[in-house]
């Protein structure tokens, strides 16, 4: 489906699992090469010690690498299955303020994914996500493993 960066930003802003946790997509980069995300601290996502719930932080970072790859790699005639296969999250300091992070896909990331999909039919790669507080201190560091399967792949006959 063809959708603009601005339209997807609004769809994700209003998507209830993100909206009610106060996860706000600030915007997608041109060509879906990156995304800027904010997590606003509120009564809806604050835990008993006054910091943002770890689950909210995880939910904020989890979907965006798969979304970016989906928008960049899905072309007519290609059927892909893309998801976050696994994640490792390290909470380094309490999230006592609103948070933000940016993620980017490099040309090398995209080229490697295309190469692997064309030769093996699948691609798996871990990507870092650092999440910052209002003082630009890293509060959370996460590794998100993306899995992509080309559903139309058939190995070349030798």
C-alpha atoms as a PDB file:
ATOM      1  CA  UNK A   1       0.000   0.000   0.000  1.00  0.00           C
ATOM      2  CA  UNK A   2       1.321   3.437  -0.913  1.00  0.00           C
ATOM      3  CA  UNK A   3       1.210   5.817   2.029  1.00  0.00           C
ATOM      4  CA  UNK A   4       3.054   9.048   2.704  1.00  0.00           C
ATOM      5  CA  UNK A   5       5.361   9.711   5.611  1.00  0.00           C
ATOM      6  CA  UNK A   6       2.893  12.269   6.973  1.00  0.00           C
ATOM      7  CA  UNK A   7      -0.118   9.936   6.709  1.00  0.00           C
ATOM      8  CA  UNK A   8       1.692   7.090   8.503  1.00  0.00           C
ATOM      9  CA  UNK A   9       2.809   9.527  11.212  1.00  0.00           C
ATOM     10  CA  UNK A  10      -0.832  10.385  11.927  1.00  0.00           C
ATOM     11  CA  UNK A  11      -2.009   6.778  11.728  1.00  0.00           C
ATOM     12  CA  UNK A  12       0.592   5.764  14.301  1.00  0.00           C
ATOM     13  CA  UNK A  13      -0.093   8.798  16.500  1.00  0.00           C
ATOM     14  CA  UNK A  14      -3.751   7.796  16.726  1.00  0.00           C
ATOM     15  CA  UNK A  15      -3.159   4.032  17.010  1.00  0.00           C
ATOM     16  CA  UNK A  16      -4.650   3.271  20.469  1.00  0.00           C
ATOM     17  CA  UNK A  17      -1.781   1.137  21.894  1.00  0.00           C
ATOM     18  CA  UNK A  18       0.612   4.040  21.233  1.00  0.00           C
ATOM     19  CA  UNK A  19      -1.786   6.929  21.863  1.00  0.00           C
ATOM     20  CA  UNK A  20      -2.945   5.768  25.292  1.00  0.00           C
ATOM     21  CA  UNK A  21       0.633   5.180  26.424  1.00  0.00           C
ATOM     22  CA  UNK A  22       1.489   8.731  25.295  1.00  0.00           C
ATOM     23  CA  UNK A  23       3.869   7.537  22.555  1.00  0.00           C
ATOM     24  CA  UNK A  24       4.005  10.235  19.891  1.00  0.00           C
ATOM     25  CA  UNK A  25       5.516   9.834  16.439  1.00  0.00           C
ATOM     26  CA  UNK A  26       7.114  13.229  15.799  1.00  0.00           C
ATOM     27  CA  UNK A  27       7.759  12.347  12.162  1.00  0.00           C
ATOM     28  CA  UNK A  28       9.186   9.991   9.586  1.00  0.00           C
ATOM     29  CA  UNK A  29      12.190  10.986   7.488  1.00  0.00           C
ATOM     30  CA  UNK A  30      11.805  11.272   3.721  1.00  0.00           C
ATOM     31  CA  UNK A  31      11.648   7.835   2.121  1.00  0.00           C
ATOM     32  CA  UNK A  32      11.012   6.224   5.532  1.00  0.00           C
ATOM     33  CA  UNK A  33      14.761   6.209   6.266  1.00  0.00           C
ATOM     34  CA  UNK A  34      14.207   7.201   9.890  1.00  0.00           C
ATOM     35  CA  UNK A  35      11.716   8.190  12.562  1.00  0.00           C
ATOM     36  CA  UNK A  36      11.615  10.529  15.538  1.00  0.00           C
ATOM     37  CA  UNK A  37       9.582   9.357  18.543  1.00  0.00           C
ATOM     38  CA  UNK A  38       8.651  10.980  21.846  1.00  0.00           C
ATOM     39  CA  UNK A  39       7.239   9.368  24.992  1.00  0.00           C
ATOM     40  CA  UNK A  40       5.431  11.912  27.132  1.00  0.00           C
ATOM     41  CA  UNK A  41       5.300  11.183  30.845  1.00  0.00           C
ATOM     42  CA  UNK A  42       1.745  11.299  32.160  1.00  0.00           C
ATOM     43  CA  UNK A  43      -0.599   9.750  34.689  1.00  0.00           C
ATOM     44  CA  UNK A  44      -1.391   7.119  32.013  1.00  0.00           C
ATOM     45  CA  UNK A  45       2.160   5.706  31.901  1.00  0.00           C
ATOM     46  CA  UNK A  46       3.677   6.526  35.279  1.00  0.00           C
ATOM     47  CA  UNK A  47       4.500   3.751  37.740  1.00  0.00           C
ATOM     48  CA  UNK A  48       4.480   3.816  41.546  1.00  0.00           C
ATOM     49  CA  UNK A  49       7.955   5.364  41.801  1.00  0.00           C
ATOM     50  CA  UNK A  50       7.124   8.226  39.447  1.00  0.00           C
ATOM     51  CA  UNK A  51       8.992   7.022  36.377  1.00  0.00           C
ATOM     52  CA  UNK A  52       7.616   5.886  33.022  1.00  0.00           C
ATOM     53  CA  UNK A  53       6.640   2.199  32.955  1.00  0.00           C
ATOM     54  CA  UNK A  54       9.257  -0.025  31.355  1.00  0.00           C
ATOM     55  CA  UNK A  55       6.535  -1.591  29.214  1.00  0.00           C
ATOM     56  CA  UNK A  56       5.638   1.792  27.773  1.00  0.00           C
ATOM     57  CA  UNK A  57       9.268   2.450  26.901  1.00  0.00           C
ATOM     58  CA  UNK A  58       9.573  -0.973  25.293  1.00  0.00           C
ATOM     59  CA  UNK A  59       6.324  -0.471  23.352  1.00  0.00           C
ATOM     60  CA  UNK A  60       7.659   2.836  22.056  1.00  0.00           C
ATOM     61  CA  UNK A  61      10.849   1.366  20.595  1.00  0.00           C
ATOM     62  CA  UNK A  62       9.671  -2.076  19.497  1.00  0.00           C
ATOM     63  CA  UNK A  63       7.754  -1.447  16.232  1.00  0.00           C
ATOM     64  CA  UNK A  64       9.792   1.127  14.381  1.00  0.00           C
ATOM     65  CA  UNK A  65      12.621  -0.819  12.725  1.00  0.00           C
ATOM     66  CA  UNK A  66      10.105  -3.297  11.249  1.00  0.00           C
ATOM     67  CA  UNK A  67       7.879  -0.407  10.112  1.00  0.00           C
ATOM     68  CA  UNK A  68      10.800   1.348   8.418  1.00  0.00           C
ATOM     69  CA  UNK A  69      11.941  -1.836   6.667  1.00  0.00           C
ATOM     70  CA  UNK A  70       8.372  -2.560   5.585  1.00  0.00           C
ATOM     71  CA  UNK A  71       7.993   0.865   3.993  1.00  0.00           C
ATOM     72  CA  UNK A  72      11.418   0.755   2.306  1.00  0.00           C
ATOM     73  CA  UNK A  73      11.460  -2.859   1.071  1.00  0.00           C
ATOM     74  CA  UNK A  74       7.865  -3.662   0.167  1.00  0.00           C
ATOM     75  CA  UNK A  75       7.476  -3.241  -3.561  1.00  0.00           C
ATOM     76  CA  UNK A  76       4.793  -4.514  -5.949  1.00  0.00           C
ATOM     77  CA  UNK A  77       5.213  -8.248  -6.480  1.00  0.00           C
ATOM     78  CA  UNK A  78       7.245  -8.761  -3.297  1.00  0.00           C
ATOM     79  CA  UNK A  79       5.529 -10.255  -0.274  1.00  0.00           C
ATOM     80  CA  UNK A  80       7.451  -9.820   2.959  1.00  0.00           C
ATOM     81  CA  UNK A  81       6.810 -10.855   6.550  1.00  0.00           C
ATOM     82  CA  UNK A  82       8.578  -8.423   8.908  1.00  0.00           C
ATOM     83  CA  UNK A  83       8.603  -8.347  12.702  1.00  0.00           C
ATOM     84  CA  UNK A  84      10.702  -7.774  15.783  1.00  0.00           C
ATOM     85  CA  UNK A  85      12.068 -11.224  16.520  1.00  0.00           C
ATOM     86  CA  UNK A  86      13.663 -10.420  19.863  1.00  0.00           C
ATOM     87  CA  UNK A  87      14.790  -7.530  21.995  1.00  0.00           C
ATOM     88  CA  UNK A  88      17.127  -6.924  24.872  1.00  0.00           C
ATOM     89  CA  UNK A  89      16.438  -3.863  26.956  1.00  0.00           C
ATOM     90  CA  UNK A  90      18.646  -2.302  29.631  1.00  0.00           C
ATOM     91  CA  UNK A  91      17.071   0.283  31.926  1.00  0.00           C
ATOM     92  CA  UNK A  92      20.036   2.476  32.858  1.00  0.00           C
ATOM     93  CA  UNK A  93      18.264   5.211  34.848  1.00  0.00           C
ATOM     94  CA  UNK A  94      14.697   5.908  35.879  1.00  0.00           C
ATOM     95  CA  UNK A  95      12.697   7.733  33.206  1.00  0.00           C
ATOM     96  CA  UNK A  96      11.603  10.624  35.402  1.00  0.00           C
ATOM     97  CA  UNK A  97      10.877  12.950  32.471  1.00  0.00           C
ATOM     98  CA  UNK A  98       9.508  12.592  28.985  1.00  0.00           C
ATOM     99  CA  UNK A  99      11.754  10.618  26.623  1.00  0.00           C
ATOM    100  CA  UNK A 100      12.820  10.769  22.996  1.00  0.00           C
ATOM    101  CA  UNK A 101      14.712   8.723  20.419  1.00  0.00           C
ATOM    102  CA  UNK A 102      15.526   8.724  16.731  1.00  0.00           C
ATOM    103  CA  UNK A 103      16.216   5.728  14.549  1.00  0.00           C
ATOM    104  CA  UNK A 104      17.764   5.696  11.100  1.00  0.00           C
ATOM    105  CA  UNK A 105      18.238   3.116   8.376  1.00  0.00           C
ATOM    106  CA  UNK A 106      21.483   3.572   6.479  1.00  0.00           C
ATOM    107  CA  UNK A 107      21.981   2.711   2.824  1.00  0.00           C
ATOM    108  CA  UNK A 108      24.228  -0.143   4.011  1.00  0.00           C
ATOM    109  CA  UNK A 109      21.415  -1.525   6.229  1.00  0.00           C
ATOM    110  CA  UNK A 110      18.999  -1.513   3.307  1.00  0.00           C
ATOM    111  CA  UNK A 111      21.510  -2.892   0.808  1.00  0.00           C
ATOM    112  CA  UNK A 112      22.412  -5.783   3.130  1.00  0.00           C
ATOM    113  CA  UNK A 113      18.733  -6.612   3.707  1.00  0.00           C
ATOM    114  CA  UNK A 114      18.072  -6.656  -0.047  1.00  0.00           C
ATOM    115  CA  UNK A 115      21.153  -8.787  -0.702  1.00  0.00           C
ATOM    116  CA  UNK A 116      20.194 -11.327   1.977  1.00  0.00           C
ATOM    117  CA  UNK A 117      16.572 -11.481   0.831  1.00  0.00           C
ATOM    118  CA  UNK A 118      17.660 -12.047  -2.779  1.00  0.00           C
ATOM    119  CA  UNK A 119      20.154 -14.800  -1.889  1.00  0.00           C
ATOM    120  CA  UNK A 120      18.670 -16.588   1.148  1.00  0.00           C
ATOM    121  CA  UNK A 121      15.088 -15.330   1.358  1.00  0.00           C
ATOM    122  CA  UNK A 122      15.513 -14.042   4.901  1.00  0.00           C
ATOM    123  CA  UNK A 123      17.282 -11.327   6.845  1.00  0.00           C
ATOM    124  CA  UNK A 124      17.982 -11.069  10.577  1.00  0.00           C
ATOM    125  CA  UNK A 125      19.831  -8.176  12.154  1.00  0.00           C
ATOM    126  CA  UNK A 126      20.074  -6.457  15.545  1.00  0.00           C
ATOM    127  CA  UNK A 127      19.767  -2.695  15.765  1.00  0.00           C
ATOM    128  CA  UNK A 128      20.479  -0.424  18.751  1.00  0.00           C
ATOM    129  CA  UNK A 129      17.963   2.068  20.115  1.00  0.00           C
ATOM    130  CA  UNK A 130      19.096   4.546  22.749  1.00  0.00           C
ATOM    131  CA  UNK A 131      16.310   6.422  24.522  1.00  0.00           C
ATOM    132  CA  UNK A 132      17.059   9.808  26.089  1.00  0.00           C
ATOM    133  CA  UNK A 133      15.500  11.933  28.820  1.00  0.00           C
ATOM    134  CA  UNK A 134      14.965  15.706  28.671  1.00  0.00           C
ATOM    135  CA  UNK A 135      18.619  16.239  29.731  1.00  0.00           C
ATOM    136  CA  UNK A 136      19.839  14.127  26.779  1.00  0.00           C
ATOM    137  CA  UNK A 137      21.007  11.355  29.115  1.00  0.00           C
ATOM    138  CA  UNK A 138      20.555   7.757  27.961  1.00  0.00           C
ATOM    139  CA  UNK A 139      17.912   6.185  30.210  1.00  0.00           C
ATOM    140  CA  UNK A 140      17.321   3.032  28.176  1.00  0.00           C
ATOM    141  CA  UNK A 141      19.468   1.087  25.757  1.00  0.00           C
ATOM    142  CA  UNK A 142      17.799  -1.566  23.651  1.00  0.00           C
ATOM    143  CA  UNK A 143      18.815  -4.032  20.956  1.00  0.00           C
ATOM    144  CA  UNK A 144      15.984  -4.892  18.592  1.00  0.00           C
ATOM    145  CA  UNK A 145      16.378  -7.935  16.326  1.00  0.00           C
ATOM    146  CA  UNK A 146      14.469  -7.567  13.073  1.00  0.00           C
ATOM    147  CA  UNK A 147      13.411 -10.617  11.073  1.00  0.00           C
ATOM    148  CA  UNK A 148      12.374 -10.352   7.420  1.00  0.00           C
ATOM    149  CA  UNK A 149      11.189 -13.264   5.294  1.00  0.00           C
ATOM    150  CA  UNK A 150      10.520 -13.030   1.555  1.00  0.00           C
ATOM    151  CA  UNK A 151       7.408 -15.161   1.158  1.00  0.00           C
ATOM    152  CA  UNK A 152       7.982 -15.492  -2.607  1.00  0.00           C
ATOM    153  CA  UNK A 153      11.609 -16.617  -2.388  1.00  0.00           C
ATOM    154  CA  UNK A 154      12.618 -19.750  -4.237  1.00  0.00           C
ATOM    155  CA  UNK A 155      16.239 -20.886  -4.127  1.00  0.00           C
ATOM    156  CA  UNK A 156      18.080 -20.800  -7.419  1.00  0.00           C
ATOM    157  CA  UNK A 157      18.516 -24.234  -8.975  1.00  0.00           C
ATOM    158  CA  UNK A 158      22.137 -25.324  -9.358  1.00  0.00           C
END
